[in-house]
């Protein structure tokens, strides 16, 4: 009852003569000054929509939803998709000086040894795509994806590279990719967030700023959901507060917020109103969507889920349920891909093999499930890390644990669905997987392509902040048209 009484008190405060005299004297001066300066129209603004639902894209989209699978820590492309038999021949040899001159590495010092692939490769599907034996389930869906074999980034440390990949800038404070998407397109579901984040194996190095709203209104930040326990922190009613009282409290609080907005015109008040309303609706909608127990047994077996456990498999199934219920952008982060070889189980041998076991079946099931439901056509799925790994061994500790250092000049990502060519490979690295030799694409090109498939021109999707227009891709980026249908 204290919450409700406080809300009634605050509302009454706005209706007293004392409040009018206290708050509006300075406002009369501002009104006079505004009329003198010809800015009276600024005071005639009406409240804008509290929360933007679906907006009109710049052009006809090929995709309506995005599921982005980010492997935080950077998986080794040389043990997954980029087959290099010549590198195997160089295994154990001293690294040629030409590969070291003028280069910077995160941890390699001195002259390292070359490290051949630690897995076997075969070609699969009609596309004859190379896939390692670390991903046996993925070989069955390889004809659904388009590989980008020559991706480049500007950063070689985790947090800056993750920021660049997810926000378009290596510095903090910029809006995330999902935030830009909901800013440009709104949310197609009034009872669920437009942008949802799911974590497995802990959070990424960059932390929650990777799905923040930056300088955009905070309504566009990602909502982190949990596969176990309460789906969203602080969403349930406090002890002694039932749904009816919560509803009345939200209504009164938002009336106060509306009066506050009319007084100060702070756009963040609109966000506050929107978040109160959405949070109340989510109390019913989110637990329903996040309940994978309702899925048939064959679907749970296909993904390899364990209900009640926080896992990548559970999150892949949740991602399908979320987009099926109208969530625009779903971001999955899976931590543990930083294979430096600094100890047992942390390398591109058994360490990488164990991580692949965690993602192989569920990510393959996600593509199959989306396709069998007719959802892959308008759902764009992206997979990748923040950079790749070097073809030479790191050997930071001097022990032979077969790890690779960070590498920003060439790595592999893939996309599927949403108007992307299936069974296609774009780009190529040299014979040892060190440098991109054709089909080079930058992080900003990836971002421009994702927005393009959603019907958004990355050069037109801007937000004015601190006196200039900002965009996700800054002043860079080209749509990768060769991989589009």
Protein backbone atom coordinates (compact mmCIF):
# COMPACT_ATOMS: atom_id res chain seq x y z
CA UNK A 1 0.00 0.00 0.00
CA UNK A 2 2.97 2.34 0.51
CA UNK A 3 3.64 2.35 -3.24
CA UNK A 4 0.03 3.21 -4.03
CA UNK A 5 -0.15 5.94 -1.35
CA UNK A 6 3.06 7.50 -2.60
CA UNK A 7 1.72 7.50 -6.15
CA UNK A 8 -1.51 9.24 -5.02
CA UNK A 9 0.56 11.82 -3.11
CA UNK A 10 2.72 12.60 -6.13
CA UNK A 11 -0.37 12.97 -8.34
CA UNK A 12 -2.02 15.33 -5.86
CA UNK A 13 1.14 17.38 -5.68
CA UNK A 14 0.77 18.25 -9.35
CA UNK A 15 -2.74 19.64 -8.76
CA UNK A 16 -1.99 22.17 -5.99
CA UNK A 17 -1.61 25.94 -6.41
CA UNK A 18 1.70 25.75 -4.52
CA UNK A 19 3.08 23.35 -7.10
CA UNK A 20 1.85 25.59 -9.95
CA UNK A 21 3.47 28.71 -8.49
CA UNK A 22 6.68 26.88 -7.63
CA UNK A 23 7.17 25.15 -10.96
CA UNK A 24 5.59 27.45 -13.49
CA UNK A 25 7.04 30.92 -12.66
CA UNK A 26 10.26 30.09 -14.50
CA UNK A 27 8.21 28.47 -17.22
CA UNK A 28 6.38 31.76 -17.89
CA UNK A 29 9.73 33.42 -18.49
CA UNK A 30 10.74 30.65 -20.85
CA UNK A 31 7.43 31.03 -22.68
CA UNK A 32 8.06 34.75 -23.17
CA UNK A 33 11.64 34.18 -24.30
CA UNK A 34 10.50 31.46 -26.69
CA UNK A 35 7.95 33.75 -28.32
CA UNK A 36 10.57 36.51 -28.71
CA UNK A 37 12.99 34.07 -30.38
CA UNK A 38 10.31 32.65 -32.62
CA UNK A 39 10.43 29.22 -30.99
CA UNK A 40 6.91 29.11 -29.68
CA UNK A 41 6.19 26.02 -31.75
CA UNK A 42 8.54 24.04 -29.49
CA UNK A 43 6.10 24.51 -26.63
CA UNK A 44 3.22 23.19 -28.68
CA UNK A 45 4.70 19.70 -28.98
CA UNK A 46 2.32 16.92 -28.08
CA UNK A 47 3.45 13.68 -26.55
CA UNK A 48 5.06 11.33 -29.03
CA UNK A 49 4.11 7.64 -29.05
CA UNK A 50 5.43 6.04 -25.88
CA UNK A 51 6.66 2.92 -27.60
CA UNK A 52 7.19 2.43 -31.30
CA UNK A 53 5.58 -0.65 -32.76
CA UNK A 54 6.31 -1.74 -36.32
CA UNK A 55 7.62 1.05 -38.52
CA UNK A 56 7.87 1.25 -42.29
CA UNK A 57 11.33 0.15 -43.54
CA UNK A 58 13.25 2.07 -46.18
CA UNK A 59 12.50 -0.63 -48.76
CA UNK A 60 10.94 -4.10 -48.96
CA UNK A 61 12.76 -6.36 -46.49
CA UNK A 62 13.85 -9.94 -47.09
CA UNK A 63 13.99 -10.67 -43.36
CA UNK A 64 11.66 -9.73 -40.52
CA UNK A 65 13.69 -11.16 -37.64
CA UNK A 66 17.33 -11.74 -36.72
CA UNK A 67 18.95 -14.41 -34.56
CA UNK A 68 22.62 -13.58 -33.99
CA UNK A 69 24.80 -16.34 -32.50
CA UNK A 70 27.98 -14.71 -31.16
CA UNK A 71 30.75 -17.06 -30.04
CA UNK A 72 32.52 -14.81 -27.53
CA UNK A 73 36.27 -15.39 -27.43
CA UNK A 74 36.73 -16.06 -31.16
CA UNK A 75 36.53 -19.65 -32.45
CA UNK A 76 39.36 -20.96 -34.64
CA UNK A 77 38.30 -20.93 -38.28
CA UNK A 78 41.25 -23.23 -39.03
CA UNK A 79 39.65 -26.06 -37.02
CA UNK A 80 36.11 -25.42 -38.20
CA UNK A 81 35.57 -24.16 -41.75
CA UNK A 82 38.78 -22.90 -43.40
CA UNK A 83 40.56 -26.06 -44.59
CA UNK A 84 44.30 -25.53 -45.19
CA UNK A 85 46.26 -28.68 -46.11
CA UNK A 86 49.39 -26.59 -46.78
CA UNK A 87 49.34 -25.44 -43.18
CA UNK A 88 49.43 -29.08 -42.11
CA UNK A 89 52.66 -29.53 -44.06
CA UNK A 90 54.22 -26.62 -42.14
CA UNK A 91 53.26 -27.97 -38.72
CA UNK A 92 56.10 -27.53 -36.23
CA UNK A 93 58.23 -25.33 -38.51
CA UNK A 94 59.45 -21.91 -37.44
CA UNK A 95 57.13 -19.12 -38.56
CA UNK A 96 58.49 -17.34 -41.67
CA UNK A 97 59.73 -13.81 -40.85
CA UNK A 98 57.42 -12.34 -43.52
CA UNK A 99 54.41 -13.27 -41.37
CA UNK A 100 55.79 -11.39 -38.36
CA UNK A 101 57.33 -8.23 -39.80
CA UNK A 102 55.29 -5.14 -38.92
CA UNK A 103 52.57 -7.22 -37.25
CA UNK A 104 51.12 -6.86 -33.77
CA UNK A 105 49.80 -9.80 -31.79
CA UNK A 106 48.01 -9.98 -28.48
CA UNK A 107 50.36 -12.58 -26.91
CA UNK A 108 52.81 -14.08 -29.42
CA UNK A 109 56.39 -13.14 -28.66
CA UNK A 110 59.54 -14.09 -30.54
CA UNK A 111 59.33 -16.61 -33.40
CA UNK A 112 56.47 -19.07 -32.91
CA UNK A 113 56.02 -22.46 -34.56
CA UNK A 114 53.42 -23.04 -37.25
CA UNK A 115 50.46 -25.13 -36.10
CA UNK A 116 48.64 -27.41 -38.51
CA UNK A 117 44.89 -28.10 -38.25
CA UNK A 118 44.08 -30.31 -35.27
CA UNK A 119 41.06 -31.93 -36.94
CA UNK A 120 40.06 -33.71 -40.13
CA UNK A 121 38.05 -32.00 -42.85
CA UNK A 122 35.65 -33.30 -45.48
CA UNK A 123 33.36 -31.75 -48.05
CA UNK A 124 29.61 -31.99 -47.48
CA UNK A 125 26.34 -31.27 -49.23
CA UNK A 126 25.69 -30.23 -52.78
CA UNK A 127 27.76 -27.14 -52.11
CA UNK A 128 30.80 -29.32 -51.30
CA UNK A 129 31.62 -27.04 -48.39
CA UNK A 130 34.54 -27.92 -46.13
CA UNK A 131 33.55 -28.66 -42.53
CA UNK A 132 35.70 -30.22 -39.79
CA UNK A 133 34.76 -33.34 -37.85
CA UNK A 134 34.20 -31.07 -34.83
CA UNK A 135 30.73 -30.29 -36.25
CA UNK A 136 29.05 -33.53 -37.39
CA UNK A 137 25.49 -32.21 -37.01
CA UNK A 138 26.27 -29.02 -38.90
CA UNK A 139 27.33 -31.03 -41.97
CA UNK A 140 23.63 -31.85 -42.50
CA UNK A 141 22.63 -28.17 -42.85
CA UNK A 142 25.71 -26.84 -44.62
CA UNK A 143 23.67 -26.24 -47.79
CA UNK A 144 21.52 -23.72 -45.93
CA UNK A 145 24.32 -21.27 -45.14
CA UNK A 146 26.51 -18.74 -46.90
CA UNK A 147 30.09 -18.73 -45.63
CA UNK A 148 32.13 -15.54 -45.43
CA UNK A 149 35.72 -16.80 -45.41
CA UNK A 150 37.60 -13.49 -45.49
CA UNK A 151 36.13 -11.34 -42.72
CA UNK A 152 38.39 -8.64 -41.27
CA UNK A 153 38.23 -6.40 -38.22
CA UNK A 154 40.30 -3.53 -36.84
CA UNK A 155 40.75 -4.92 -33.32
CA UNK A 156 42.63 -7.90 -31.86
CA UNK A 157 41.59 -7.74 -28.19
CA UNK A 158 38.27 -9.11 -27.04
CA UNK A 159 36.31 -6.21 -25.60
CA UNK A 160 37.17 -3.65 -28.32
CA UNK A 161 36.56 -6.24 -31.04
CA UNK A 162 33.21 -7.23 -29.52
CA UNK A 163 32.20 -3.58 -29.28
CA UNK A 164 33.15 -3.04 -32.93
CA UNK A 165 31.22 -6.11 -34.03
CA UNK A 166 28.12 -5.39 -31.94
CA UNK A 167 28.00 -1.57 -31.89
CA UNK A 168 30.08 -0.41 -34.86
CA UNK A 169 32.69 1.26 -32.64
CA UNK A 170 35.58 -0.10 -30.58
CA UNK A 171 34.75 2.48 -27.90
CA UNK A 172 31.91 2.13 -25.44
CA UNK A 173 28.79 4.26 -25.51
CA UNK A 174 27.43 3.45 -28.96
CA UNK A 175 24.06 1.77 -29.55
CA UNK A 176 24.09 -1.95 -30.23
CA UNK A 177 23.10 -3.55 -33.50
CA UNK A 178 19.84 -4.79 -32.00
CA UNK A 179 19.15 -1.30 -30.66
CA UNK A 180 19.60 0.23 -34.10
CA UNK A 181 17.24 -2.38 -35.57
CA UNK A 182 14.42 -1.66 -33.09
CA UNK A 183 15.03 2.08 -33.50
CA UNK A 184 14.59 1.71 -37.25
CA UNK A 185 11.79 -0.85 -37.32
CA UNK A 186 10.10 -0.82 -33.92
CA UNK A 187 8.68 -3.97 -32.34
CA UNK A 188 6.00 -6.13 -33.99
CA UNK A 189 4.75 -7.39 -30.61
CA UNK A 190 3.29 -4.98 -28.06
CA UNK A 191 3.68 -7.45 -25.18
CA UNK A 192 7.33 -8.45 -25.70
CA UNK A 193 10.60 -6.54 -26.09
CA UNK A 194 11.82 -5.94 -29.61
CA UNK A 195 15.38 -6.92 -28.64
CA UNK A 196 16.14 -9.88 -26.36
CA UNK A 197 19.55 -11.14 -25.15
CA UNK A 198 20.31 -14.70 -24.00
CA UNK A 199 23.59 -15.75 -22.36
CA UNK A 200 25.19 -19.16 -21.96
CA UNK A 201 28.50 -20.02 -20.27
CA UNK A 202 28.62 -16.56 -18.68
CA UNK A 203 28.65 -13.11 -20.24
CA UNK A 204 31.03 -11.80 -22.94
CA UNK A 205 34.10 -9.72 -22.11
CA UNK A 206 32.41 -6.51 -23.25
CA UNK A 207 29.61 -6.95 -20.72
CA UNK A 208 26.11 -5.51 -20.88
CA UNK A 209 27.24 -2.50 -22.86
CA UNK A 210 27.26 -4.79 -25.91
CA UNK A 211 23.45 -4.72 -25.92
CA UNK A 212 23.02 -1.20 -24.56
CA UNK A 213 21.15 1.63 -26.24
CA UNK A 214 24.03 4.15 -26.15
CA UNK A 215 22.68 7.57 -27.06
CA UNK A 216 19.41 6.13 -28.41
CA UNK A 217 16.40 6.23 -26.07
CA UNK A 218 16.86 3.44 -23.54
CA UNK A 219 13.72 1.70 -24.79
CA UNK A 220 16.01 0.30 -27.50
CA UNK A 221 18.44 -1.51 -25.22
CA UNK A 222 18.37 -5.29 -25.15
CA UNK A 223 16.37 -7.06 -22.46
CA UNK A 224 18.42 -9.88 -20.93
CA UNK A 225 16.32 -12.97 -20.30
CA UNK A 226 17.30 -16.07 -18.34
CA UNK A 227 16.65 -19.69 -19.22
CA UNK A 228 16.38 -20.64 -15.55
CA UNK A 229 14.44 -19.13 -12.66
CA UNK A 230 12.69 -15.80 -13.22
CA UNK A 231 13.02 -15.01 -16.97
CA UNK A 232 13.69 -11.30 -16.30
CA UNK A 233 15.18 -9.92 -13.08
CA UNK A 234 12.85 -7.76 -10.95
CA UNK A 235 9.86 -8.50 -13.18
CA UNK A 236 7.71 -10.29 -10.59
CA UNK A 237 5.51 -8.39 -8.13
CA UNK A 238 6.92 -7.61 -4.68
CA UNK A 239 5.55 -9.59 -1.76
CA UNK A 240 2.06 -8.41 -0.85
CA UNK A 241 1.41 -6.75 -4.24
CA UNK A 242 -1.07 -8.48 -6.54
CA UNK A 243 -1.53 -7.87 -10.27
CA UNK A 244 -4.49 -5.51 -9.84
CA UNK A 245 -2.60 -3.28 -7.42
CA UNK A 246 0.45 -3.36 -9.70
CA UNK A 247 -1.70 -2.29 -12.64
CA UNK A 248 -3.18 0.64 -10.67
CA UNK A 249 0.28 1.67 -9.52
CA UNK A 250 1.65 1.64 -13.08
CA UNK A 251 -1.31 3.67 -14.34
CA UNK A 252 -0.88 6.33 -11.64
CA UNK A 253 2.90 6.44 -11.99
CA UNK A 254 2.57 6.93 -15.74
CA UNK A 255 0.05 9.75 -15.28
CA UNK A 256 2.66 11.46 -13.12
CA UNK A 257 5.29 10.76 -15.78
CA UNK A 258 3.05 12.25 -18.47
CA UNK A 259 2.60 15.42 -16.42
CA UNK A 260 6.35 15.54 -15.85
CA UNK A 261 6.94 15.16 -19.60
CA UNK A 262 4.56 18.00 -20.42
CA UNK A 263 6.56 20.15 -18.03
CA UNK A 264 10.17 19.36 -19.00
CA UNK A 265 9.88 17.60 -22.40
CA UNK A 266 12.61 15.10 -21.51
CA UNK A 267 12.30 12.23 -24.05
CA UNK A 268 13.64 9.76 -21.49
CA UNK A 269 10.38 10.22 -19.58
CA UNK A 270 8.59 8.69 -22.57
CA UNK A 271 10.98 5.75 -22.34
CA UNK A 272 10.19 5.45 -18.63
CA UNK A 273 6.46 5.35 -19.41
CA UNK A 274 7.01 2.75 -22.10
CA UNK A 275 9.15 0.55 -19.87
CA UNK A 276 6.60 0.58 -17.04
CA UNK A 277 3.85 -0.46 -19.46
CA UNK A 278 5.97 -3.11 -21.16
CA UNK A 279 7.20 -4.56 -17.86
CA UNK A 280 3.61 -5.01 -16.70
CA UNK A 281 2.67 -6.80 -19.94
CA UNK A 282 5.82 -8.92 -19.79
CA UNK A 283 4.78 -10.38 -16.43
CA UNK A 284 2.34 -12.53 -18.37
CA UNK A 285 3.87 -12.79 -21.86
CA UNK A 286 7.53 -13.56 -21.03
CA UNK A 287 7.02 -16.60 -18.75
CA UNK A 288 4.71 -18.06 -21.38
CA UNK A 289 7.21 -17.65 -24.23
CA UNK A 290 10.21 -18.73 -22.15
CA UNK A 291 8.61 -22.03 -21.08
CA UNK A 292 10.25 -24.67 -23.30
CA UNK A 293 8.49 -27.43 -21.38
CA UNK A 294 5.53 -26.86 -23.69
CA UNK A 295 7.56 -27.97 -26.70
CA UNK A 296 6.95 -31.54 -27.93
CA UNK A 297 9.54 -34.12 -26.93
CA UNK A 298 10.88 -34.58 -30.47
CA UNK A 299 11.72 -30.86 -30.67
CA UNK A 300 13.50 -30.91 -27.31
CA UNK A 301 15.45 -33.97 -28.42
CA UNK A 302 16.32 -32.33 -31.74
CA UNK A 303 17.91 -29.36 -29.96
CA UNK A 304 19.34 -31.46 -27.12
CA UNK A 305 17.83 -29.19 -24.47
CA UNK A 306 17.82 -29.73 -20.73
CA UNK A 307 14.82 -27.88 -19.22
CA UNK A 308 15.76 -25.85 -16.17
CA UNK A 309 19.39 -25.52 -17.25
CA UNK A 310 21.12 -22.47 -18.67
CA UNK A 311 22.63 -23.80 -21.89
CA UNK A 312 23.26 -22.84 -25.48
CA UNK A 313 20.83 -25.55 -26.58
CA UNK A 314 18.03 -24.11 -24.43
CA UNK A 315 18.79 -20.63 -25.73
CA UNK A 316 18.61 -21.74 -29.38
CA UNK A 317 15.14 -23.17 -28.78
CA UNK A 318 14.14 -20.03 -26.89
CA UNK A 319 15.39 -17.93 -29.81
CA UNK A 320 13.04 -19.76 -32.16
CA UNK A 321 10.14 -19.32 -29.71
CA UNK A 322 10.91 -15.61 -29.33
CA UNK A 323 10.98 -14.80 -33.07
CA UNK A 324 7.91 -17.00 -33.53
CA UNK A 325 6.13 -14.71 -31.07
CA UNK A 326 7.23 -11.52 -32.79
CA UNK A 327 10.55 -10.52 -31.20
CA UNK A 328 12.50 -8.60 -33.80
CA UNK A 329 16.11 -9.24 -32.75
CA UNK A 330 17.45 -12.09 -30.59
CA UNK A 331 21.12 -12.03 -29.58
CA UNK A 332 22.79 -15.16 -28.18
CA UNK A 333 26.20 -14.93 -26.52
CA UNK A 334 28.15 -18.11 -25.82
CA UNK A 335 31.37 -17.63 -23.87
CA UNK A 336 34.45 -19.88 -23.76
CA UNK A 337 35.96 -19.73 -27.27
CA UNK A 338 39.29 -18.12 -26.34
CA UNK A 339 41.57 -21.07 -27.15
CA UNK A 340 45.09 -19.86 -26.27
CA UNK A 341 46.40 -23.24 -25.16
CA UNK A 342 47.50 -21.94 -21.77
CA UNK A 343 46.61 -25.18 -20.03
CA UNK A 344 44.87 -28.55 -20.41
CA UNK A 345 41.43 -28.19 -21.99
CA UNK A 346 42.21 -24.70 -23.25
CA UNK A 347 43.38 -25.14 -26.81
CA UNK A 348 42.34 -25.96 -30.35
CA UNK A 349 42.46 -29.70 -29.59
CA UNK A 350 40.22 -31.08 -26.85
CA UNK A 351 39.18 -27.61 -25.63
CA UNK A 352 37.70 -26.58 -28.97
CA UNK A 353 36.22 -30.03 -29.52
CA UNK A 354 34.33 -29.82 -26.23
CA UNK A 355 32.96 -26.36 -27.02
CA UNK A 356 31.81 -27.55 -30.44
CA UNK A 357 29.85 -30.37 -28.81
CA UNK A 358 27.86 -27.73 -26.93
CA UNK A 359 26.80 -25.78 -30.02
CA UNK A 360 26.85 -28.22 -32.94
CA UNK A 361 23.52 -29.94 -32.40
CA UNK A 362 21.45 -26.93 -31.23
CA UNK A 363 22.60 -24.46 -33.89
CA UNK A 364 21.99 -27.09 -36.59
CA UNK A 365 18.58 -27.87 -35.09
CA UNK A 366 17.73 -24.16 -35.09
CA UNK A 367 18.23 -23.96 -38.86
CA UNK A 368 16.26 -27.17 -39.46
CA UNK A 369 13.44 -26.08 -37.14
CA UNK A 370 13.14 -22.65 -38.72
CA UNK A 371 13.07 -24.21 -42.18
CA UNK A 372 10.43 -26.84 -41.36
CA UNK A 373 8.19 -24.09 -39.94
CA UNK A 374 8.64 -21.87 -43.00
CA UNK A 375 10.39 -19.27 -40.83
CA UNK A 376 13.90 -19.42 -42.30
CA UNK A 377 12.80 -17.39 -45.32
CA UNK A 378 12.20 -14.30 -43.19
CA UNK A 379 14.60 -14.98 -40.30
CA UNK A 380 18.25 -14.06 -40.78
CA UNK A 381 20.64 -16.21 -38.71
CA UNK A 382 24.24 -15.05 -38.18
CA UNK A 383 27.10 -17.01 -36.60
CA UNK A 384 30.63 -15.84 -35.72
CA UNK A 385 33.08 -14.46 -33.19
CA UNK A 386 34.81 -11.09 -32.81
CA UNK A 387 37.95 -12.16 -34.75
CA UNK A 388 39.79 -15.36 -35.73
CA UNK A 389 42.93 -17.26 -34.71
CA UNK A 390 46.50 -17.31 -36.04
CA UNK A 391 47.95 -20.19 -38.11
CA UNK A 392 50.95 -20.24 -35.76
CA UNK A 393 50.99 -21.60 -32.22
CA UNK A 394 50.91 -19.11 -29.39
CA UNK A 395 52.90 -21.12 -26.78
CA UNK A 396 52.61 -18.33 -24.22
CA UNK A 397 53.58 -20.62 -21.35
CA UNK A 398 56.19 -22.61 -23.23
CA UNK A 399 54.04 -25.71 -22.84
CA UNK A 400 52.71 -27.63 -25.81
CA UNK A 401 48.98 -27.11 -25.32
CA UNK A 402 48.36 -26.23 -28.98
CA UNK A 403 46.64 -22.86 -28.76
CA UNK A 404 46.31 -20.00 -31.25
CA UNK A 405 46.54 -16.25 -30.70
CA UNK A 406 44.01 -13.60 -31.74
CA UNK A 407 43.94 -12.77 -35.45
CA UNK A 408 42.03 -9.90 -37.03
CA UNK A 409 43.08 -10.17 -40.69
CA UNK A 410 41.01 -13.18 -41.74
CA UNK A 411 38.28 -15.25 -40.11
CA UNK A 412 35.05 -17.03 -41.00
CA UNK A 413 31.42 -16.16 -40.32
CA UNK A 414 28.24 -17.55 -41.81
CA UNK A 415 24.69 -16.38 -42.48
CA UNK A 416 21.53 -18.30 -43.31
CA UNK A 417 17.96 -17.49 -44.31
CA UNK A 418 16.54 -14.02 -44.74
CA UNK A 419 17.42 -13.65 -48.42
CA UNK A 420 20.98 -15.02 -48.18
CA UNK A 421 22.22 -17.48 -50.83
CA UNK A 422 22.17 -21.03 -49.43
CA UNK A 423 25.12 -23.33 -50.00
CA UNK A 424 27.43 -20.47 -51.00
CA UNK A 425 30.99 -19.51 -50.10
CA UNK A 426 32.31 -15.98 -50.50
CA UNK A 427 35.90 -14.92 -49.94
CA UNK A 428 39.17 -16.81 -49.69
CA UNK A 429 42.30 -16.78 -47.56
CA UNK A 430 45.84 -17.67 -48.56
CA UNK A 431 47.16 -21.24 -48.43
CA UNK A 432 47.77 -21.10 -44.65
CA UNK A 433 44.70 -19.04 -43.65
CA UNK A 434 46.73 -16.00 -42.63
CA UNK A 435 45.55 -13.26 -45.02
CA UNK A 436 42.40 -12.59 -47.03
CA UNK A 437 43.19 -12.71 -50.75
CA UNK A 438 39.76 -12.09 -52.29
CA UNK A 439 36.21 -11.41 -51.21
CA UNK A 440 37.36 -9.36 -48.24
CA UNK A 441 34.58 -8.04 -46.02
CA UNK A 442 34.83 -5.81 -42.97
CA UNK A 443 32.72 -5.79 -39.80
CA UNK A 444 30.91 -2.71 -41.10
CA UNK A 445 30.01 -4.63 -44.28
CA UNK A 446 28.45 -7.36 -42.13
CA UNK A 447 26.40 -4.75 -40.28
CA UNK A 448 25.33 -2.99 -43.48
CA UNK A 449 24.18 -6.33 -44.93
CA UNK A 450 22.15 -7.26 -41.85
CA UNK A 451 20.33 -3.92 -41.93
CA UNK A 452 19.83 -4.25 -45.69
CA UNK A 453 18.06 -7.58 -45.32
CA UNK A 454 15.72 -5.97 -42.81
CA UNK A 455 14.85 -3.24 -45.32
CA UNK A 456 17.08 -0.58 -43.76
CA UNK A 457 19.64 1.53 -45.62
CA UNK A 458 22.60 1.76 -43.25
CA UNK A 459 23.48 5.22 -44.60
CA UNK A 460 19.98 6.57 -43.94
CA UNK A 461 19.46 5.02 -40.52
CA UNK A 462 20.87 7.88 -38.44
CA UNK A 463 20.35 9.50 -35.06
CA UNK A 464 21.36 13.05 -34.24
CA UNK A 465 23.53 13.28 -31.14
CA UNK A 466 25.84 16.02 -29.90
CA UNK A 467 25.41 18.08 -33.04
CA UNK A 468 25.91 15.46 -35.73
CA UNK A 469 24.21 12.44 -37.26
CA UNK A 470 25.50 9.05 -36.15
CA UNK A 471 24.92 5.66 -37.74
CA UNK A 472 25.85 2.06 -36.91
CA UNK A 473 28.46 1.82 -39.66
CA UNK A 474 29.93 5.30 -39.01
CA UNK A 475 31.25 6.41 -42.44
CA UNK A 476 32.00 2.90 -43.68
CA UNK A 477 30.29 -0.26 -44.87
CA UNK A 478 29.01 -1.79 -48.09
CA UNK A 479 26.23 -4.34 -48.50
CA UNK A 480 27.72 -7.73 -49.47
CA UNK A 481 25.50 -8.13 -52.52
CA UNK A 482 27.27 -11.26 -53.81
CA UNK A 483 25.82 -13.40 -51.01
CA UNK A 484 22.22 -12.23 -51.51
CA UNK A 485 19.54 -13.92 -53.55
